[in-house]
PDB file of all heavy atoms in Angstrom:
ATOM      1  N   GLY A   1       9.215  48.124 -16.870  1.00  0.00           N
ATOM      2  CA  GLY A   1       8.317  49.086 -16.358  1.00  0.00           C
ATOM      3  C   GLY A   1       7.684  48.695 -15.095  1.00  0.00           C
ATOM      4  O   GLY A   1       8.023  47.641 -14.431  1.00  0.00           O
ATOM      5  N   LYS A   2       6.670  49.442 -14.610  1.00  0.00           N
ATOM      6  CA  LYS A   2       5.925  49.128 -13.386  1.00  0.00           C
ATOM      7  C   LYS A   2       4.651  48.406 -13.720  1.00  0.00           C
ATOM      8  O   LYS A   2       3.832  48.899 -14.466  1.00  0.00           O
ATOM      9  CB  LYS A   2       5.613  50.419 -12.635  1.00  0.00           C
ATOM     10  CG  LYS A   2       6.799  51.158 -12.063  1.00  0.00           C
ATOM     11  CD  LYS A   2       6.380  52.360 -11.224  1.00  0.00           C
ATOM     12  CE  LYS A   2       6.881  53.588 -12.001  1.00  0.00           C
ATOM     13  NZ  LYS A   2       6.471  54.826 -11.395  1.00  0.00           N
ATOM     14  N   TYR A   3       4.511  47.216 -13.082  1.00  0.00           N
ATOM     15  CA  TYR A   3       3.330  46.345 -13.315  1.00  0.00           C
ATOM     16  C   TYR A   3       2.475  46.377 -12.128  1.00  0.00           C
ATOM     17  O   TYR A   3       2.800  46.080 -11.018  1.00  0.00           O
ATOM     18  CB  TYR A   3       3.779  44.920 -13.557  1.00  0.00           C
ATOM     19  CG  TYR A   3       4.433  44.676 -14.827  1.00  0.00           C
ATOM     20  CD1 TYR A   3       5.752  45.043 -15.049  1.00  0.00           C
ATOM     21  CD2 TYR A   3       3.727  44.014 -15.881  1.00  0.00           C
ATOM     22  CE1 TYR A   3       6.342  44.848 -16.283  1.00  0.00           C
ATOM     23  CE2 TYR A   3       4.311  43.805 -17.121  1.00  0.00           C
ATOM     24  CZ  TYR A   3       5.661  44.200 -17.309  1.00  0.00           C
ATOM     25  OH  TYR A   3       6.290  43.975 -18.508  1.00  0.00           O
ATOM     26  N   LEU A   4       1.191  46.892 -12.347  1.00  0.00           N
ATOM     27  CA  LEU A   4       0.163  46.801 -11.337  1.00  0.00           C
ATOM     28  C   LEU A   4      -0.583  45.517 -11.564  1.00  0.00           C
ATOM     29  O   LEU A   4      -1.198  45.287 -12.590  1.00  0.00           O
ATOM     30  CB  LEU A   4      -0.802  48.007 -11.449  1.00  0.00           C
ATOM     31  CG  LEU A   4      -1.965  48.071 -10.439  1.00  0.00           C
ATOM     32  CD1 LEU A   4      -1.422  48.037  -9.001  1.00  0.00           C
ATOM     33  CD2 LEU A   4      -2.844  49.275 -10.668  1.00  0.00           C
ATOM     34  N   ARG A   5      -0.449  44.607 -10.635  1.00  0.00           N
ATOM     35  CA  ARG A   5      -0.988  43.262 -10.761  1.00  0.00           C
ATOM     36  C   ARG A   5      -2.113  43.037  -9.747  1.00  0.00           C
ATOM     37  O   ARG A   5      -1.902  43.258  -8.537  1.00  0.00           O
ATOM     38  CB  ARG A   5       0.122  42.219 -10.559  1.00  0.00           C
ATOM     39  CG  ARG A   5       1.143  42.240 -11.660  1.00  0.00           C
ATOM     40  CD  ARG A   5       2.111  41.066 -11.575  1.00  0.00           C
ATOM     41  NE  ARG A   5       2.905  41.020 -12.797  1.00  0.00           N
ATOM     42  CZ  ARG A   5       4.255  41.284 -12.833  1.00  0.00           C
ATOM     43  NH1 ARG A   5       4.881  41.691 -11.773  1.00  0.00           N
ATOM     44  NH2 ARG A   5       4.856  41.136 -13.993  1.00  0.00           N
ATOM     45  N   ILE A   6      -3.266  42.645 -10.278  1.00  0.00           N
ATOM     46  CA  ILE A   6      -4.405  42.329  -9.520  1.00  0.00           C
ATOM     47  C   ILE A   6      -4.761  40.873  -9.641  1.00  0.00           C
ATOM     48  O   ILE A   6      -4.920  40.439 -10.752  1.00  0.00           O
ATOM     49  CB  ILE A   6      -5.579  43.225  -9.906  1.00  0.00           C
ATOM     50  CG1 ILE A   6      -5.160  44.740  -9.792  1.00  0.00           C
ATOM     51  CG2 ILE A   6      -6.846  42.957  -9.052  1.00  0.00           C
ATOM     52  CD1 ILE A   6      -6.180  45.672 -10.485  1.00  0.00           C
ATOM     53  N   TYR A   7      -4.940  40.176  -8.510  1.00  0.00           N
ATOM     54  CA  TYR A   7      -5.273  38.777  -8.528  1.00  0.00           C
ATOM     55  C   TYR A   7      -6.661  38.551  -7.979  1.00  0.00           C
ATOM     56  O   TYR A   7      -6.947  39.008  -6.906  1.00  0.00           O
ATOM     57  CB  TYR A   7      -4.275  37.891  -7.680  1.00  0.00           C
ATOM     58  CG  TYR A   7      -2.850  38.056  -8.274  1.00  0.00           C
ATOM     59  CD1 TYR A   7      -1.941  39.026  -7.772  1.00  0.00           C
ATOM     60  CD2 TYR A   7      -2.383  37.239  -9.247  1.00  0.00           C
ATOM     61  CE1 TYR A   7      -0.675  39.154  -8.256  1.00  0.00           C
ATOM     62  CE2 TYR A   7      -1.090  37.325  -9.762  1.00  0.00           C
ATOM     63  CZ  TYR A   7      -0.259  38.286  -9.258  1.00  0.00           C
ATOM     64  OH  TYR A   7       0.958  38.378  -9.763  1.00  0.00           O
ATOM     65  N   ILE A   8      -7.529  37.874  -8.750  1.00  0.00           N
ATOM     66  CA  ILE A   8      -8.886  37.702  -8.391  1.00  0.00           C
ATOM     67  C   ILE A   8      -9.167  36.237  -8.418  1.00  0.00           C
ATOM     68  O   ILE A   8      -8.513  35.458  -9.167  1.00  0.00           O
ATOM     69  CB  ILE A   8      -9.891  38.491  -9.269  1.00  0.00           C
ATOM     70  CG1 ILE A   8      -9.683  38.168 -10.718  1.00  0.00           C
ATOM     71  CG2 ILE A   8      -9.805  39.954  -8.962  1.00  0.00           C
ATOM     72  CD1 ILE A   8     -10.709  38.827 -11.681  1.00  0.00           C
ATOM     73  N   ASP A   9     -10.238  35.785  -7.714  1.00  0.00           N
ATOM     74  CA  ASP A   9     -10.609  34.409  -7.713  1.00  0.00           C
ATOM     75  C   ASP A   9     -12.113  34.309  -7.424  1.00  0.00           C
ATOM     76  O   ASP A   9     -12.796  35.297  -7.000  1.00  0.00           O
ATOM     77  CB  ASP A   9      -9.833  33.570  -6.612  1.00  0.00           C
ATOM     78  CG  ASP A   9      -9.748  32.121  -6.927  1.00  0.00           C
ATOM     79  OD1 ASP A   9     -10.272  31.673  -7.938  1.00  0.00           O
ATOM     80  OD2 ASP A   9      -9.084  31.428  -6.109  1.00  0.00           O
ATOM     81  N   LYS A  10     -12.663  33.113  -7.649  1.00  0.00           N
ATOM     82  CA  LYS A  10     -14.000  32.783  -7.240  1.00  0.00           C
ATOM     83  C   LYS A  10     -14.115  31.259  -7.087  1.00  0.00           C
ATOM     84  O   LYS A  10     -13.184  30.541  -7.526  1.00  0.00           O
ATOM     85  CB  LYS A  10     -15.067  33.286  -8.281  1.00  0.00           C
ATOM     86  CG  LYS A  10     -14.957  32.652  -9.618  1.00  0.00           C
ATOM     87  CD  LYS A  10     -16.019  33.252 -10.620  1.00  0.00           C
ATOM     88  CE  LYS A  10     -15.934  32.551 -11.913  1.00  0.00           C
ATOM     89  NZ  LYS A  10     -16.835  33.234 -12.928  1.00  0.00           N
ATOM     90  N   PRO A  11     -15.072  30.778  -6.328  1.00  0.00           N
ATOM     91  CA  PRO A  11     -15.138  29.323  -5.970  1.00  0.00           C
ATOM     92  C   PRO A  11     -14.990  28.410  -7.160  1.00  0.00           C
ATOM     93  O   PRO A  11     -14.289  27.395  -7.057  1.00  0.00           O
ATOM     94  CB  PRO A  11     -16.441  29.138  -5.287  1.00  0.00           C
ATOM     95  CG  PRO A  11     -16.763  30.526  -4.702  1.00  0.00           C
ATOM     96  CD  PRO A  11     -16.203  31.560  -5.756  1.00  0.00           C
ATOM     97  N   GLU A  12     -15.588  28.709  -8.305  1.00  0.00           N
ATOM     98  CA  GLU A  12     -15.546  27.769  -9.458  1.00  0.00           C
ATOM     99  C   GLU A  12     -14.352  28.118 -10.323  1.00  0.00           C
ATOM    100  O   GLU A  12     -14.159  27.461 -11.369  1.00  0.00           O
ATOM    101  CB  GLU A  12     -16.846  27.854 -10.206  1.00  0.00           C
ATOM    102  CG  GLU A  12     -17.242  29.144 -10.726  1.00  0.00           C
ATOM    103  CD  GLU A  12     -17.977  30.058  -9.793  1.00  0.00           C
ATOM    104  OE1 GLU A  12     -18.084  29.786  -8.596  1.00  0.00           O
ATOM    105  OE2 GLU A  12     -18.579  31.052 -10.273  1.00  0.00           O
ATOM    106  N   GLY A  13     -13.470  29.025  -9.910  1.00  0.00           N
ATOM    107  CA  GLY A  13     -12.318  29.382 -10.732  1.00  0.00           C
ATOM    108  C   GLY A  13     -12.522  30.543 -11.665  1.00  0.00           C
ATOM    109  O   GLY A  13     -13.654  30.760 -12.075  1.00  0.00           O
ATOM    110  N   ILE A  14     -11.470  31.267 -11.883  1.00  0.00           N
ATOM    111  CA  ILE A  14     -11.522  32.456 -12.721  1.00  0.00           C
ATOM    112  C   ILE A  14     -11.249  32.087 -14.148  1.00  0.00           C
ATOM    113  O   ILE A  14     -10.350  31.322 -14.503  1.00  0.00           O
ATOM    114  CB  ILE A  14     -10.448  33.526 -12.223  1.00  0.00           C
ATOM    115  CG1 ILE A  14     -10.897  34.128 -10.938  1.00  0.00           C
ATOM    116  CG2 ILE A  14     -10.106  34.590 -13.245  1.00  0.00           C
ATOM    117  CD1 ILE A  14     -12.143  35.035 -11.039  1.00  0.00           C
ATOM    118  N   THR A  15     -12.030  32.678 -15.041  1.00  0.00           N
ATOM    119  CA  THR A  15     -11.795  32.431 -16.504  1.00  0.00           C
ATOM    120  C   THR A  15     -11.144  33.653 -17.127  1.00  0.00           C
ATOM    121  O   THR A  15     -11.043  34.678 -16.521  1.00  0.00           O
ATOM    122  CB  THR A  15     -13.137  32.148 -17.185  1.00  0.00           C
ATOM    123  OG1 THR A  15     -13.933  33.388 -17.148  1.00  0.00           O
ATOM    124  CG2 THR A  15     -13.947  31.061 -16.593  1.00  0.00           C
ATOM    125  N   LEU A  16     -10.684  33.477 -18.325  1.00  0.00           N
ATOM    126  CA  LEU A  16     -10.123  34.583 -19.130  1.00  0.00           C
ATOM    127  C   LEU A  16     -11.201  35.669 -19.274  1.00  0.00           C
ATOM    128  O   LEU A  16     -10.867  36.914 -19.164  1.00  0.00           O
ATOM    129  CB  LEU A  16      -9.629  34.113 -20.441  1.00  0.00           C
ATOM    130  CG  LEU A  16      -8.898  35.144 -21.261  1.00  0.00           C
ATOM    131  CD1 LEU A  16      -7.680  35.661 -20.503  1.00  0.00           C
ATOM    132  CD2 LEU A  16      -8.370  34.461 -22.556  1.00  0.00           C
ATOM    133  N   ASP A  17     -12.435  35.316 -19.481  1.00  0.00           N
ATOM    134  CA  ASP A  17     -13.493  36.312 -19.609  1.00  0.00           C
ATOM    135  C   ASP A  17     -13.711  37.085 -18.315  1.00  0.00           C
ATOM    136  O   ASP A  17     -13.975  38.284 -18.381  1.00  0.00           O
ATOM    137  CB  ASP A  17     -14.835  35.616 -19.985  1.00  0.00           C
ATOM    138  CG  ASP A  17     -14.862  35.165 -21.424  1.00  0.00           C
ATOM    139  OD1 ASP A  17     -14.045  35.665 -22.266  1.00  0.00           O
ATOM    140  OD2 ASP A  17     -15.670  34.280 -21.826  1.00  0.00           O
ATOM    141  N   ASP A  18     -13.566  36.439 -17.200  1.00  0.00           N
ATOM    142  CA  ASP A  18     -13.673  37.116 -15.886  1.00  0.00           C
ATOM    143  C   ASP A  18     -12.564  38.153 -15.722  1.00  0.00           C
ATOM    144  O   ASP A  18     -12.780  39.271 -15.344  1.00  0.00           O
ATOM    145  CB  ASP A  18     -13.508  36.138 -14.698  1.00  0.00           C
ATOM    146  CG  ASP A  18     -14.755  35.185 -14.654  1.00  0.00           C
ATOM    147  OD1 ASP A  18     -15.777  35.501 -15.025  1.00  0.00           O
ATOM    148  OD2 ASP A  18     -14.505  34.045 -14.126  1.00  0.00           O
ATOM    149  N   CYS A  19     -11.323  37.762 -16.123  1.00  0.00           N
ATOM    150  CA  CYS A  19     -10.189  38.695 -16.036  1.00  0.00           C
ATOM    151  C   CYS A  19     -10.400  39.909 -16.961  1.00  0.00           C
ATOM    152  O   CYS A  19     -10.166  41.030 -16.535  1.00  0.00           O
ATOM    153  CB  CYS A  19      -8.937  38.007 -16.403  1.00  0.00           C
ATOM    154  SG  CYS A  19      -8.405  36.750 -15.190  1.00  0.00           S
ATOM    155  N   GLU A  20     -10.873  39.629 -18.134  1.00  0.00           N
ATOM    156  CA  GLU A  20     -11.164  40.729 -19.108  1.00  0.00           C
ATOM    157  C   GLU A  20     -12.213  41.682 -18.617  1.00  0.00           C
ATOM    158  O   GLU A  20     -12.038  42.898 -18.634  1.00  0.00           O
ATOM    159  CB  GLU A  20     -11.501  40.172 -20.430  1.00  0.00           C
ATOM    160  CG  GLU A  20     -11.753  41.237 -21.469  1.00  0.00           C
ATOM    161  CD  GLU A  20     -12.147  40.715 -22.848  1.00  0.00           C
ATOM    162  OE1 GLU A  20     -12.222  39.463 -23.012  1.00  0.00           O
ATOM    163  OE2 GLU A  20     -12.425  41.504 -23.733  1.00  0.00           O
ATOM    164  N   LYS A  21     -13.248  41.073 -18.088  1.00  0.00           N
ATOM    165  CA  LYS A  21     -14.404  41.900 -17.574  1.00  0.00           C
ATOM    166  C   LYS A  21     -13.894  42.825 -16.412  1.00  0.00           C
ATOM    167  O   LYS A  21     -14.201  44.016 -16.321  1.00  0.00           O
ATOM    168  CB  LYS A  21     -15.507  40.999 -17.052  1.00  0.00           C
ATOM    169  CG  LYS A  21     -16.738  41.684 -16.442  1.00  0.00           C
ATOM    170  CD  LYS A  21     -17.749  40.626 -16.046  1.00  0.00           C
ATOM    171  CE  LYS A  21     -18.978  41.229 -15.564  1.00  0.00           C
ATOM    172  NZ  LYS A  21     -20.028  40.302 -15.196  1.00  0.00           N
ATOM    173  N   TYR A  22     -13.144  42.226 -15.480  1.00  0.00           N
ATOM    174  CA  TYR A  22     -12.582  43.047 -14.307  1.00  0.00           C
ATOM    175  C   TYR A  22     -11.615  44.057 -14.839  1.00  0.00           C
ATOM    176  O   TYR A  22     -11.670  45.258 -14.442  1.00  0.00           O
ATOM    177  CB  TYR A  22     -11.859  42.061 -13.401  1.00  0.00           C
ATOM    178  CG  TYR A  22     -11.526  42.733 -12.090  1.00  0.00           C
ATOM    179  CD1 TYR A  22     -12.365  42.685 -11.031  1.00  0.00           C
ATOM    180  CD2 TYR A  22     -10.270  43.395 -11.961  1.00  0.00           C
ATOM    181  CE1 TYR A  22     -12.012  43.318  -9.788  1.00  0.00           C
ATOM    182  CE2 TYR A  22      -9.969  44.026 -10.804  1.00  0.00           C
ATOM    183  CZ  TYR A  22     -10.756  44.033  -9.683  1.00  0.00           C
ATOM    184  OH  TYR A  22     -10.494  44.692  -8.587  1.00  0.00           O
ATOM    185  N   HIS A  23     -10.699  43.709 -15.751  1.00  0.00           N
ATOM    186  CA  HIS A  23      -9.755  44.653 -16.296  1.00  0.00           C
ATOM    187  C   HIS A  23     -10.436  45.825 -16.937  1.00  0.00           C
ATOM    188  O   HIS A  23     -10.034  46.992 -16.709  1.00  0.00           O
ATOM    189  CB  HIS A  23      -8.879  43.917 -17.340  1.00  0.00           C
ATOM    190  CG  HIS A  23      -7.704  44.723 -17.817  1.00  0.00           C
ATOM    191  ND1 HIS A  23      -7.827  45.796 -18.814  1.00  0.00           N
ATOM    192  CD2 HIS A  23      -6.380  44.638 -17.561  1.00  0.00           C
ATOM    193  CE1 HIS A  23      -6.662  46.279 -18.995  1.00  0.00           C
ATOM    194  NE2 HIS A  23      -5.748  45.608 -18.274  1.00  0.00           N
ATOM    195  N   ARG A  24     -11.468  45.615 -17.771  1.00  0.00           N
ATOM    196  CA  ARG A  24     -12.116  46.684 -18.464  1.00  0.00           C
ATOM    197  C   ARG A  24     -12.804  47.586 -17.496  1.00  0.00           C
ATOM    198  O   ARG A  24     -12.995  48.817 -17.666  1.00  0.00           O
ATOM    199  CB  ARG A  24     -13.149  46.123 -19.469  1.00  0.00           C
ATOM    200  CG  ARG A  24     -12.510  45.496 -20.671  1.00  0.00           C
ATOM    201  CD  ARG A  24     -13.570  45.026 -21.680  1.00  0.00           C
ATOM    202  NE  ARG A  24     -12.959  44.302 -22.715  1.00  0.00           N
ATOM    203  CZ  ARG A  24     -12.588  44.832 -23.887  1.00  0.00           C
ATOM    204  NH1 ARG A  24     -12.747  46.097 -24.064  1.00  0.00           N
ATOM    205  NH2 ARG A  24     -12.096  44.073 -24.819  1.00  0.00           N
ATOM    206  N   ALA A  25     -13.309  47.073 -16.398  1.00  0.00           N
ATOM    207  CA  ALA A  25     -14.081  47.833 -15.344  1.00  0.00           C
ATOM    208  C   ALA A  25     -13.145  48.628 -14.450  1.00  0.00           C
ATOM    209  O   ALA A  25     -13.439  49.737 -14.048  1.00  0.00           O
ATOM    210  CB  ALA A  25     -14.980  46.926 -14.547  1.00  0.00           C
ATOM    211  N   ILE A  26     -11.996  48.038 -14.096  1.00  0.00           N
ATOM    212  CA  ILE A  26     -11.064  48.709 -13.139  1.00  0.00           C
ATOM    213  C   ILE A  26     -10.152  49.714 -13.836  1.00  0.00           C
ATOM    214  O   ILE A  26      -9.771  50.680 -13.226  1.00  0.00           O
ATOM    215  CB  ILE A  26     -10.264  47.699 -12.289  1.00  0.00           C
ATOM    216  CG1 ILE A  26      -9.711  48.311 -11.078  1.00  0.00           C
ATOM    217  CG2 ILE A  26      -9.132  47.085 -13.122  1.00  0.00           C
ATOM    218  CD1 ILE A  26     -10.646  48.731 -10.017  1.00  0.00           C
ATOM    219  N   GLN A  27      -9.715  49.508 -15.058  1.00  0.00           N
ATOM    220  CA  GLN A  27      -8.796  50.378 -15.700  1.00  0.00           C
ATOM    221  C   GLN A  27      -9.187  51.849 -15.666  1.00  0.00           C
ATOM    222  O   GLN A  27      -8.318  52.673 -15.274  1.00  0.00           O
ATOM    223  CB  GLN A  27      -8.517  49.875 -17.136  1.00  0.00           C
ATOM    224  CG  GLN A  27      -7.386  50.693 -17.762  1.00  0.00           C
ATOM    225  CD  GLN A  27      -7.071  50.135 -19.143  1.00  0.00           C
ATOM    226  OE1 GLN A  27      -7.861  49.465 -19.834  1.00  0.00           O
ATOM    227  NE2 GLN A  27      -5.875  50.401 -19.568  1.00  0.00           N
ATOM    228  N   PRO A  28     -10.407  52.229 -15.980  1.00  0.00           N
ATOM    229  CA  PRO A  28     -10.760  53.617 -15.948  1.00  0.00           C
ATOM    230  C   PRO A  28     -10.631  54.268 -14.537  1.00  0.00           C
ATOM    231  O   PRO A  28     -10.298  55.426 -14.394  1.00  0.00           O
ATOM    232  CB  PRO A  28     -12.206  53.654 -16.428  1.00  0.00           C
ATOM    233  CG  PRO A  28     -12.383  52.448 -17.159  1.00  0.00           C
ATOM    234  CD  PRO A  28     -11.507  51.429 -16.531  1.00  0.00           C
ATOM    235  N   GLN A  29     -10.836  53.405 -13.524  1.00  0.00           N
ATOM    236  CA  GLN A  29     -10.710  53.937 -12.124  1.00  0.00           C
ATOM    237  C   GLN A  29      -9.308  54.081 -11.653  1.00  0.00           C
ATOM    238  O   GLN A  29      -9.102  54.765 -10.668  1.00  0.00           O
ATOM    239  CB  GLN A  29     -11.411  52.917 -11.198  1.00  0.00           C
ATOM    240  CG  GLN A  29     -12.879  52.681 -11.499  1.00  0.00           C
ATOM    241  CD  GLN A  29     -13.490  51.700 -10.509  1.00  0.00           C
ATOM    242  OE1 GLN A  29     -13.238  51.771  -9.306  1.00  0.00           O
ATOM    243  NE2 GLN A  29     -14.337  50.776 -11.016  1.00  0.00           N
ATOM    244  N   LEU A  30      -8.321  53.542 -12.395  1.00  0.00           N
ATOM    245  CA  LEU A  30      -6.998  53.611 -11.989  1.00  0.00           C
ATOM    246  C   LEU A  30      -6.136  54.414 -12.953  1.00  0.00           C
ATOM    247  O   LEU A  30      -4.886  54.484 -12.793  1.00  0.00           O
ATOM    248  CB  LEU A  30      -6.360  52.213 -11.924  1.00  0.00           C
ATOM    249  CG  LEU A  30      -7.098  51.258 -11.009  1.00  0.00           C
ATOM    250  CD1 LEU A  30      -6.434  49.860 -11.050  1.00  0.00           C
ATOM    251  CD2 LEU A  30      -7.076  51.754  -9.567  1.00  0.00           C
TER     252      LEU A  30
END
């Protein structure tokens, strides 16, 4: 299938919780 991949970062490094938080927030917008 088609994979929409979003890569995020922050100075102290991205955690799984950060990815989940971003995913839950962006999914309804897309």
